[in-house]
């Protein structure tokens, strides 16, 4: 779990959560050898005992990560701007009631299930690559031939 929290911190996550964790809250990330950045001290961590307790911010979409026949292939998925991602535990799939609660379910197109921290890192990297402001990939091998687009802020939005 510490590895996943550290990775979420590195990719700029706003928070992390778990449902019925196998570790006590104090053990998650705080003293873990996998979390050398001590991410759990700076990244809000929410622990829920059941799916029914899960409370997400307004307009936040829940995205399940699971190998099912109906899942969307991750490379073809457009990530919502406001999203929380839920992954099953080691050697466990997401229960059907969790899949039913998800707005979207995506799968990493692999031949078999991956380690949870690895799967989480792949999803976060894909999110960064699709929503980040990077120069487009070149057609041939090598680095970008175009510069990243300059971010432009619009004028203030004033409600009347």
N, C-alpha and C. Protein backbone atom coordinates (compact mmCIF):
# COMPACT_ATOMS: atom_id res chain seq x y z
N UNK A 1 0.83 -1.19 0.00
CA UNK A 1 0.00 0.00 0.00
C UNK A 1 0.87 1.26 0.00
N UNK A 2 1.99 1.21 0.70
CA UNK A 2 2.88 2.37 0.74
C UNK A 2 3.40 2.75 -0.63
N UNK A 3 3.71 1.75 -1.46
CA UNK A 3 4.18 2.00 -2.81
C UNK A 3 3.11 2.72 -3.63
N UNK A 4 1.87 2.28 -3.50
CA UNK A 4 0.77 2.90 -4.24
C UNK A 4 0.53 4.34 -3.78
N UNK A 5 0.60 4.58 -2.48
CA UNK A 5 0.41 5.94 -1.96
C UNK A 5 1.53 6.85 -2.44
N UNK A 6 2.76 6.36 -2.40
CA UNK A 6 3.90 7.16 -2.87
C UNK A 6 3.74 7.49 -4.36
N UNK A 7 3.32 6.50 -5.15
CA UNK A 7 3.12 6.72 -6.58
C UNK A 7 2.02 7.75 -6.82
N UNK A 8 0.92 7.65 -6.08
CA UNK A 8 -0.17 8.62 -6.20
C UNK A 8 0.34 10.02 -5.87
N UNK A 9 1.13 10.13 -4.83
CA UNK A 9 1.71 11.42 -4.44
C UNK A 9 2.59 11.97 -5.57
N UNK A 10 3.43 11.11 -6.14
CA UNK A 10 4.31 11.52 -7.22
C UNK A 10 3.57 11.99 -8.46
N UNK A 11 2.42 11.40 -8.74
CA UNK A 11 1.62 11.79 -9.90
C UNK A 11 0.65 12.93 -9.60
N UNK A 12 0.70 13.47 -8.38
CA UNK A 12 -0.11 14.65 -8.06
C UNK A 12 -1.53 14.36 -7.63
N UNK A 13 -1.79 13.17 -7.09
CA UNK A 13 -3.14 12.86 -6.61
C UNK A 13 -3.54 13.82 -5.49
N UNK A 14 -4.83 14.10 -5.40
CA UNK A 14 -5.35 14.98 -4.36
C UNK A 14 -5.61 14.24 -3.06
N UNK A 15 -5.89 12.94 -3.16
CA UNK A 15 -6.14 12.12 -1.98
C UNK A 15 -6.05 10.65 -2.37
N UNK A 16 -5.98 9.79 -1.37
CA UNK A 16 -6.07 8.35 -1.58
C UNK A 16 -7.09 7.81 -0.58
N UNK A 17 -7.67 6.66 -0.92
CA UNK A 17 -8.63 6.05 0.00
C UNK A 17 -8.52 4.54 -0.09
N UNK A 18 -9.02 3.88 0.93
CA UNK A 18 -9.11 2.42 0.91
C UNK A 18 -10.43 2.02 1.55
N UNK A 19 -10.89 0.85 1.15
CA UNK A 19 -12.11 0.28 1.70
C UNK A 19 -11.74 -1.05 2.34
N UNK A 20 -12.05 -1.20 3.61
CA UNK A 20 -11.72 -2.41 4.37
C UNK A 20 -10.27 -2.83 4.18
N UNK A 21 -9.33 -1.94 4.50
CA UNK A 21 -7.92 -2.29 4.30
C UNK A 21 -7.48 -3.41 5.24
N UNK A 22 -6.47 -4.15 4.81
CA UNK A 22 -5.92 -5.21 5.66
C UNK A 22 -4.99 -4.65 6.71
N UNK A 23 -4.50 -3.44 6.50
CA UNK A 23 -3.62 -2.79 7.46
C UNK A 23 -4.40 -1.78 8.26
N UNK A 24 -3.95 -1.49 9.45
CA UNK A 24 -4.56 -0.42 10.24
C UNK A 24 -4.15 0.91 9.64
N UNK A 25 -4.96 1.94 9.85
CA UNK A 25 -4.70 3.25 9.24
C UNK A 25 -3.32 3.77 9.57
N UNK A 26 -2.85 3.57 10.78
CA UNK A 26 -1.53 4.05 11.16
C UNK A 26 -0.40 3.37 10.44
N UNK A 27 -0.65 2.16 9.95
CA UNK A 27 0.39 1.42 9.24
C UNK A 27 0.50 1.83 7.79
N UNK A 28 -0.54 2.39 7.22
CA UNK A 28 -0.57 2.68 5.79
C UNK A 28 0.33 3.85 5.47
N UNK A 29 1.46 3.55 4.87
CA UNK A 29 2.35 4.59 4.38
C UNK A 29 3.21 5.26 5.42
N UNK A 30 2.78 5.39 6.66
CA UNK A 30 3.53 6.17 7.64
C UNK A 30 4.90 5.59 7.93
N UNK A 31 4.98 4.30 8.16
CA UNK A 31 6.25 3.69 8.50
C UNK A 31 6.70 2.69 7.45
N UNK A 32 6.05 2.70 6.33
CA UNK A 32 6.33 1.72 5.29
C UNK A 32 7.68 1.99 4.64
N UNK A 33 8.44 0.93 4.41
CA UNK A 33 9.71 1.06 3.70
C UNK A 33 9.48 1.41 2.23
N UNK A 34 8.30 1.09 1.70
CA UNK A 34 8.00 1.38 0.30
C UNK A 34 7.70 2.86 0.08
N UNK A 35 7.35 3.59 1.12
CA UNK A 35 7.00 5.01 0.98
C UNK A 35 8.08 5.88 1.59
N UNK A 36 9.22 5.95 0.91
CA UNK A 36 10.34 6.73 1.43
C UNK A 36 10.07 8.22 1.40
N UNK A 37 9.10 8.67 0.62
CA UNK A 37 8.75 10.10 0.57
C UNK A 37 7.81 10.48 1.71
N UNK A 38 7.36 9.49 2.50
CA UNK A 38 6.42 9.74 3.60
C UNK A 38 5.17 10.46 3.08
N UNK A 39 4.67 9.97 1.95
CA UNK A 39 3.54 10.60 1.28
C UNK A 39 2.29 10.64 2.14
N UNK A 40 2.10 9.64 2.98
CA UNK A 40 0.89 9.59 3.80
C UNK A 40 0.82 10.73 4.81
N UNK A 41 1.94 11.41 5.03
CA UNK A 41 1.93 12.55 5.96
C UNK A 41 1.48 13.83 5.26
N UNK A 42 1.51 13.86 3.93
CA UNK A 42 1.13 15.07 3.20
C UNK A 42 -0.06 14.86 2.27
N UNK A 43 -0.39 13.63 1.97
CA UNK A 43 -1.50 13.32 1.07
C UNK A 43 -2.67 12.81 1.89
N UNK A 44 -3.83 13.47 1.83
CA UNK A 44 -4.96 13.02 2.64
C UNK A 44 -5.32 11.56 2.34
N UNK A 45 -5.52 10.79 3.41
CA UNK A 45 -5.86 9.37 3.31
C UNK A 45 -7.20 9.16 4.00
N UNK A 46 -8.17 8.62 3.24
CA UNK A 46 -9.50 8.33 3.77
C UNK A 46 -9.68 6.81 3.84
N UNK A 47 -10.17 6.34 4.97
CA UNK A 47 -10.39 4.91 5.14
C UNK A 47 -11.87 4.67 5.39
N UNK A 48 -12.45 3.78 4.59
CA UNK A 48 -13.86 3.43 4.73
C UNK A 48 -13.97 1.95 5.06
N UNK A 49 -14.92 1.61 5.89
CA UNK A 49 -15.11 0.21 6.27
C UNK A 49 -15.97 -0.54 5.26
N UNK A 50 -16.73 0.20 4.45
CA UNK A 50 -17.56 -0.45 3.44
C UNK A 50 -17.74 0.49 2.25
N UNK A 51 -18.13 -0.06 1.13
CA UNK A 51 -18.38 0.73 -0.07
C UNK A 51 -19.48 1.75 0.16
N UNK A 52 -20.46 1.38 0.96
CA UNK A 52 -21.59 2.29 1.23
C UNK A 52 -21.13 3.57 1.94
N UNK A 53 -20.04 3.51 2.68
CA UNK A 53 -19.52 4.68 3.39
C UNK A 53 -18.75 5.62 2.46
N UNK A 54 -18.31 5.12 1.32
CA UNK A 54 -17.47 5.91 0.42
C UNK A 54 -18.18 7.19 0.01
N UNK A 55 -17.55 8.32 0.30
CA UNK A 55 -18.08 9.63 -0.06
C UNK A 55 -17.04 10.34 -0.93
N UNK A 56 -17.40 10.61 -2.16
CA UNK A 56 -16.49 11.28 -3.09
C UNK A 56 -16.88 12.75 -3.22
N UNK A 57 -15.92 13.60 -3.60
CA UNK A 57 -16.26 15.01 -3.83
C UNK A 57 -17.30 15.16 -4.93
N UNK A 58 -17.99 16.28 -4.92
CA UNK A 58 -19.03 16.57 -5.92
C UNK A 58 -18.44 16.46 -7.33
N UNK A 59 -19.19 15.84 -8.21
CA UNK A 59 -18.83 15.66 -9.63
C UNK A 59 -17.60 14.78 -9.84
N UNK A 60 -17.15 14.08 -8.83
CA UNK A 60 -16.03 13.15 -8.96
C UNK A 60 -16.56 11.82 -9.47
N UNK A 61 -15.98 11.31 -10.53
CA UNK A 61 -16.40 10.04 -11.13
C UNK A 61 -15.56 8.90 -10.56
N UNK A 62 -16.22 7.80 -10.27
CA UNK A 62 -15.52 6.62 -9.76
C UNK A 62 -15.18 5.72 -10.94
N UNK A 63 -13.90 5.41 -11.07
CA UNK A 63 -13.41 4.58 -12.17
C UNK A 63 -12.82 3.30 -11.58
N UNK A 64 -13.43 2.17 -11.91
CA UNK A 64 -12.91 0.89 -11.46
C UNK A 64 -11.84 0.40 -12.42
N UNK A 65 -10.86 -0.30 -11.88
CA UNK A 65 -9.81 -0.91 -12.69
C UNK A 65 -9.91 -2.41 -12.49
N UNK A 66 -10.38 -3.11 -13.52
CA UNK A 66 -10.66 -4.54 -13.38
C UNK A 66 -10.66 -5.21 -14.75
N UNK A 67 -10.14 -6.42 -14.80
CA UNK A 67 -10.15 -7.22 -16.03
C UNK A 67 -11.50 -7.90 -16.18
N UNK A 68 -12.41 -7.28 -16.92
CA UNK A 68 -13.69 -7.91 -17.24
C UNK A 68 -13.91 -7.81 -18.74
N UNK A 69 -14.81 -8.60 -19.26
CA UNK A 69 -15.10 -8.56 -20.70
C UNK A 69 -15.68 -7.22 -21.12
N UNK A 70 -16.41 -6.56 -20.22
CA UNK A 70 -17.07 -5.30 -20.56
C UNK A 70 -16.23 -4.06 -20.27
N UNK A 71 -15.05 -4.23 -19.67
CA UNK A 71 -14.21 -3.08 -19.32
C UNK A 71 -13.71 -2.37 -20.57
N UNK A 72 -13.48 -1.08 -20.44
CA UNK A 72 -12.92 -0.27 -21.51
C UNK A 72 -11.40 -0.44 -21.49
N UNK A 73 -10.79 -0.69 -22.64
CA UNK A 73 -9.33 -0.77 -22.70
C UNK A 73 -8.74 0.58 -22.30
N UNK A 74 -7.82 0.57 -21.37
CA UNK A 74 -7.23 1.81 -20.86
C UNK A 74 -6.70 2.73 -21.97
N UNK A 75 -6.00 2.21 -23.00
CA UNK A 75 -5.51 3.11 -24.05
C UNK A 75 -6.62 3.81 -24.84
N UNK A 76 -7.85 3.32 -24.76
CA UNK A 76 -8.98 3.94 -25.47
C UNK A 76 -9.87 4.77 -24.56
N UNK A 77 -9.48 4.93 -23.31
CA UNK A 77 -10.32 5.60 -22.31
C UNK A 77 -9.96 7.07 -22.19
N UNK A 78 -10.99 7.93 -22.16
CA UNK A 78 -10.78 9.36 -21.89
C UNK A 78 -11.07 9.59 -20.41
N UNK A 79 -10.03 9.90 -19.65
CA UNK A 79 -10.17 10.08 -18.20
C UNK A 79 -11.01 11.31 -17.88
N UNK A 80 -11.95 11.18 -16.93
CA UNK A 80 -12.68 12.37 -16.46
C UNK A 80 -11.70 13.31 -15.75
N UNK A 81 -11.97 14.61 -15.81
CA UNK A 81 -11.09 15.55 -15.11
C UNK A 81 -11.11 15.31 -13.61
N UNK A 82 -12.29 15.04 -13.05
CA UNK A 82 -12.43 14.75 -11.63
C UNK A 82 -12.73 13.27 -11.49
N UNK A 83 -11.76 12.51 -11.02
CA UNK A 83 -11.94 11.07 -10.94
C UNK A 83 -11.23 10.49 -9.73
N UNK A 84 -11.80 9.43 -9.21
CA UNK A 84 -11.16 8.60 -8.19
C UNK A 84 -11.12 7.19 -8.77
N UNK A 85 -10.02 6.52 -8.59
CA UNK A 85 -9.82 5.20 -9.17
C UNK A 85 -9.83 4.16 -8.05
N UNK A 86 -10.52 3.05 -8.29
CA UNK A 86 -10.60 1.99 -7.29
C UNK A 86 -10.10 0.70 -7.91
N UNK A 87 -9.18 0.05 -7.20
CA UNK A 87 -8.58 -1.20 -7.65
C UNK A 87 -8.87 -2.27 -6.62
N UNK A 88 -8.96 -3.52 -7.06
CA UNK A 88 -9.16 -4.63 -6.14
C UNK A 88 -7.90 -4.91 -5.36
N UNK A 89 -8.03 -5.65 -4.28
CA UNK A 89 -6.88 -6.03 -3.48
C UNK A 89 -6.05 -7.10 -4.17
N UNK A 90 -4.89 -7.38 -3.62
CA UNK A 90 -4.04 -8.45 -4.17
C UNK A 90 -4.83 -9.76 -4.20
N UNK A 91 -4.76 -10.44 -5.31
CA UNK A 91 -5.43 -11.73 -5.53
C UNK A 91 -6.94 -11.65 -5.38
N UNK A 92 -7.51 -10.47 -5.54
CA UNK A 92 -8.96 -10.31 -5.43
C UNK A 92 -9.46 -9.41 -6.56
N UNK A 93 -10.64 -9.68 -7.04
CA UNK A 93 -11.28 -8.81 -8.02
C UNK A 93 -12.17 -7.82 -7.30
N UNK A 94 -12.57 -6.78 -8.00
CA UNK A 94 -13.55 -5.86 -7.42
C UNK A 94 -14.88 -6.59 -7.33
N UNK A 95 -15.57 -6.51 -6.21
CA UNK A 95 -16.88 -7.16 -6.09
C UNK A 95 -17.89 -6.53 -7.05
N UNK A 96 -18.92 -7.27 -7.39
CA UNK A 96 -19.93 -6.78 -8.33
C UNK A 96 -20.59 -5.50 -7.85
N UNK A 97 -20.85 -5.36 -6.54
CA UNK A 97 -21.49 -4.13 -6.06
C UNK A 97 -20.57 -2.92 -6.25
N UNK A 98 -19.27 -3.13 -6.22
CA UNK A 98 -18.32 -2.05 -6.48
C UNK A 98 -18.34 -1.69 -7.96
N UNK A 99 -18.31 -2.71 -8.82
CA UNK A 99 -18.37 -2.46 -10.26
C UNK A 99 -19.65 -1.73 -10.63
N UNK A 100 -20.75 -2.08 -9.98
CA UNK A 100 -22.04 -1.42 -10.26
C UNK A 100 -22.01 0.05 -9.86
N UNK A 101 -21.25 0.38 -8.84
CA UNK A 101 -21.18 1.77 -8.36
C UNK A 101 -20.28 2.63 -9.25
N UNK A 102 -19.39 2.01 -10.01
CA UNK A 102 -18.44 2.76 -10.84
C UNK A 102 -19.13 3.42 -12.02
N UNK A 103 -18.69 4.63 -12.33
CA UNK A 103 -19.16 5.32 -13.53
C UNK A 103 -18.54 4.68 -14.78
N UNK A 104 -17.31 4.22 -14.64
CA UNK A 104 -16.59 3.56 -15.73
C UNK A 104 -15.77 2.43 -15.12
N UNK A 105 -15.51 1.40 -15.93
CA UNK A 105 -14.59 0.34 -15.53
C UNK A 105 -13.61 0.18 -16.68
N UNK A 106 -12.33 0.27 -16.36
CA UNK A 106 -11.28 0.15 -17.38
C UNK A 106 -10.41 -1.06 -17.07
N UNK A 107 -9.73 -1.53 -18.10
CA UNK A 107 -8.79 -2.63 -17.90
C UNK A 107 -7.48 -2.30 -18.59
N UNK A 108 -6.42 -2.75 -17.99
CA UNK A 108 -5.10 -2.65 -18.59
C UNK A 108 -4.97 -3.89 -19.48
N UNK A 109 -4.76 -3.71 -20.77
CA UNK A 109 -4.77 -4.86 -21.68
C UNK A 109 -3.54 -5.76 -21.51
N UNK A 110 -3.58 -6.59 -20.48
CA UNK A 110 -2.51 -7.55 -20.23
C UNK A 110 -3.12 -8.95 -20.24
N UNK A 111 -2.26 -9.95 -20.27
CA UNK A 111 -2.74 -11.33 -20.32
C UNK A 111 -3.23 -11.83 -18.97
N UNK A 112 -2.82 -11.18 -17.90
CA UNK A 112 -3.23 -11.60 -16.56
C UNK A 112 -3.19 -10.39 -15.64
N UNK A 113 -3.72 -10.56 -14.46
CA UNK A 113 -3.82 -9.49 -13.48
C UNK A 113 -2.44 -9.04 -13.02
N UNK A 114 -2.30 -7.76 -12.75
CA UNK A 114 -1.04 -7.19 -12.28
C UNK A 114 -1.10 -6.91 -10.78
N UNK A 115 0.05 -6.72 -10.18
CA UNK A 115 0.17 -6.25 -8.81
C UNK A 115 -0.59 -4.93 -8.69
N UNK A 116 -1.26 -4.71 -7.56
CA UNK A 116 -2.10 -3.52 -7.39
C UNK A 116 -1.30 -2.23 -7.57
N UNK A 117 -0.13 -2.14 -6.96
CA UNK A 117 0.68 -0.92 -7.08
C UNK A 117 1.11 -0.69 -8.52
N UNK A 118 1.45 -1.76 -9.23
CA UNK A 118 1.85 -1.63 -10.63
C UNK A 118 0.67 -1.17 -11.48
N UNK A 119 -0.49 -1.78 -11.27
CA UNK A 119 -1.69 -1.38 -12.02
C UNK A 119 -2.04 0.08 -11.74
N UNK A 120 -1.97 0.48 -10.48
CA UNK A 120 -2.26 1.87 -10.13
C UNK A 120 -1.30 2.83 -10.82
N UNK A 121 -0.02 2.48 -10.85
CA UNK A 121 0.98 3.33 -11.50
C UNK A 121 0.71 3.47 -12.99
N UNK A 122 0.33 2.37 -13.63
CA UNK A 122 0.03 2.42 -15.07
C UNK A 122 -1.17 3.32 -15.34
N UNK A 123 -2.21 3.21 -14.54
CA UNK A 123 -3.40 4.04 -14.72
C UNK A 123 -3.06 5.51 -14.49
N UNK A 124 -2.28 5.80 -13.45
CA UNK A 124 -1.91 7.20 -13.18
C UNK A 124 -1.03 7.77 -14.29
N UNK A 125 -0.12 6.96 -14.83
CA UNK A 125 0.72 7.41 -15.93
C UNK A 125 -0.13 7.68 -17.17
N UNK A 126 -1.08 6.78 -17.45
CA UNK A 126 -1.95 6.98 -18.60
C UNK A 126 -2.76 8.26 -18.44
N UNK A 127 -3.25 8.52 -17.24
CA UNK A 127 -4.00 9.75 -16.97
C UNK A 127 -3.12 10.97 -17.24
N UNK A 128 -1.90 10.94 -16.74
CA UNK A 128 -0.97 12.06 -16.95
C UNK A 128 -0.70 12.27 -18.43
N UNK A 129 -0.49 11.17 -19.16
CA UNK A 129 -0.18 11.29 -20.59
C UNK A 129 -1.36 11.81 -21.40
N UNK A 130 -2.58 11.46 -21.01
CA UNK A 130 -3.73 11.89 -21.80
C UNK A 130 -4.25 13.26 -21.38
N UNK A 131 -4.10 13.63 -20.11
CA UNK A 131 -4.62 14.92 -19.66
C UNK A 131 -3.52 15.97 -19.48
N UNK A 132 -2.27 15.54 -19.47
CA UNK A 132 -1.16 16.48 -19.29
C UNK A 132 -0.93 17.29 -20.55
N UNK A 133 -0.16 18.33 -20.40
CA UNK A 133 0.14 19.20 -21.54
C UNK A 133 1.56 18.91 -22.04
N UNK A 134 1.66 17.88 -22.86
CA UNK A 134 2.95 17.47 -23.38
C UNK A 134 2.97 17.68 -24.89
N UNK A 135 4.15 17.84 -25.43
CA UNK A 135 4.29 17.90 -26.88
C UNK A 135 3.83 16.57 -27.46
N UNK A 136 3.24 16.58 -28.66
CA UNK A 136 2.80 15.31 -29.25
C UNK A 136 4.00 14.39 -29.53
N UNK A 137 3.75 13.10 -29.47
CA UNK A 137 4.81 12.14 -29.78
C UNK A 137 5.14 12.22 -31.27
N UNK A 138 6.42 12.08 -31.60
CA UNK A 138 6.78 12.10 -33.02
C UNK A 138 6.36 10.80 -33.70
N UNK A 139 6.27 10.85 -35.01
CA UNK A 139 5.90 9.67 -35.77
C UNK A 139 7.07 8.69 -35.79
N UNK A 140 8.29 9.21 -35.86
CA UNK A 140 9.48 8.35 -35.88
C UNK A 140 10.07 8.26 -34.47
N UNK A 141 11.05 7.39 -34.31
CA UNK A 141 11.72 7.22 -33.02
C UNK A 141 12.37 8.52 -32.58
N UNK A 142 12.43 8.71 -31.28
CA UNK A 142 13.12 9.88 -30.73
C UNK A 142 12.19 10.79 -29.97
N UNK A 143 12.72 11.92 -29.59
CA UNK A 143 11.98 12.89 -28.79
C UNK A 143 11.05 13.74 -29.62
N UNK A 144 10.32 14.63 -28.95
CA UNK A 144 9.34 15.45 -29.67
C UNK A 144 10.00 16.42 -30.64
N UNK A 145 9.33 16.66 -31.75
CA UNK A 145 9.82 17.65 -32.72
C UNK A 145 9.07 18.96 -32.55
N UNK A 146 7.99 18.93 -31.79
CA UNK A 146 7.22 20.14 -31.49
C UNK A 146 7.35 20.42 -30.01
N UNK A 147 7.20 21.70 -29.66
CA UNK A 147 7.22 22.07 -28.25
C UNK A 147 5.85 21.84 -27.64
N UNK A 148 5.83 21.67 -26.33
CA UNK A 148 4.55 21.52 -25.63
C UNK A 148 3.76 22.81 -25.80
N UNK A 149 2.45 22.71 -25.94
CA UNK A 149 1.64 23.92 -26.09
C UNK A 149 1.70 24.77 -24.82
N UNK A 150 1.70 26.07 -25.01
CA UNK A 150 1.71 27.01 -23.89
C UNK A 150 0.31 27.06 -23.30
N UNK A 151 0.24 26.94 -21.99
CA UNK A 151 -1.07 26.99 -21.33
C UNK A 151 -1.51 28.45 -21.23
N UNK A 152 -2.73 28.70 -21.65
CA UNK A 152 -3.28 30.05 -21.62
C UNK A 152 -4.48 30.06 -20.70
N UNK A 153 -4.46 30.95 -19.73
CA UNK A 153 -5.61 31.10 -18.85
C UNK A 153 -6.59 32.07 -19.49
N UNK A 154 -7.85 31.76 -19.39
CA UNK A 154 -8.87 32.67 -19.90
C UNK A 154 -9.07 33.82 -18.93
N UNK A 155 -9.89 34.76 -19.33
CA UNK A 155 -10.21 35.89 -18.48
C UNK A 155 -11.05 35.45 -17.29
N UNK A 156 -11.21 36.31 -16.33
CA UNK A 156 -12.01 35.94 -15.15
C UNK A 156 -13.46 35.68 -15.53
N UNK A 157 -14.06 34.73 -14.83
CA UNK A 157 -15.47 34.43 -15.04
C UNK A 157 -16.24 35.10 -13.93
N UNK A 158 -17.05 36.05 -14.29
CA UNK A 158 -17.82 36.81 -13.30
C UNK A 158 -19.28 36.45 -13.46
N UNK A 159 -19.85 35.96 -12.38
CA UNK A 159 -21.28 35.62 -12.42
C UNK A 159 -22.07 36.88 -12.11
N UNK A 160 -23.12 37.09 -12.88
CA UNK A 160 -23.94 38.28 -12.63
C UNK A 160 -25.20 37.94 -11.91
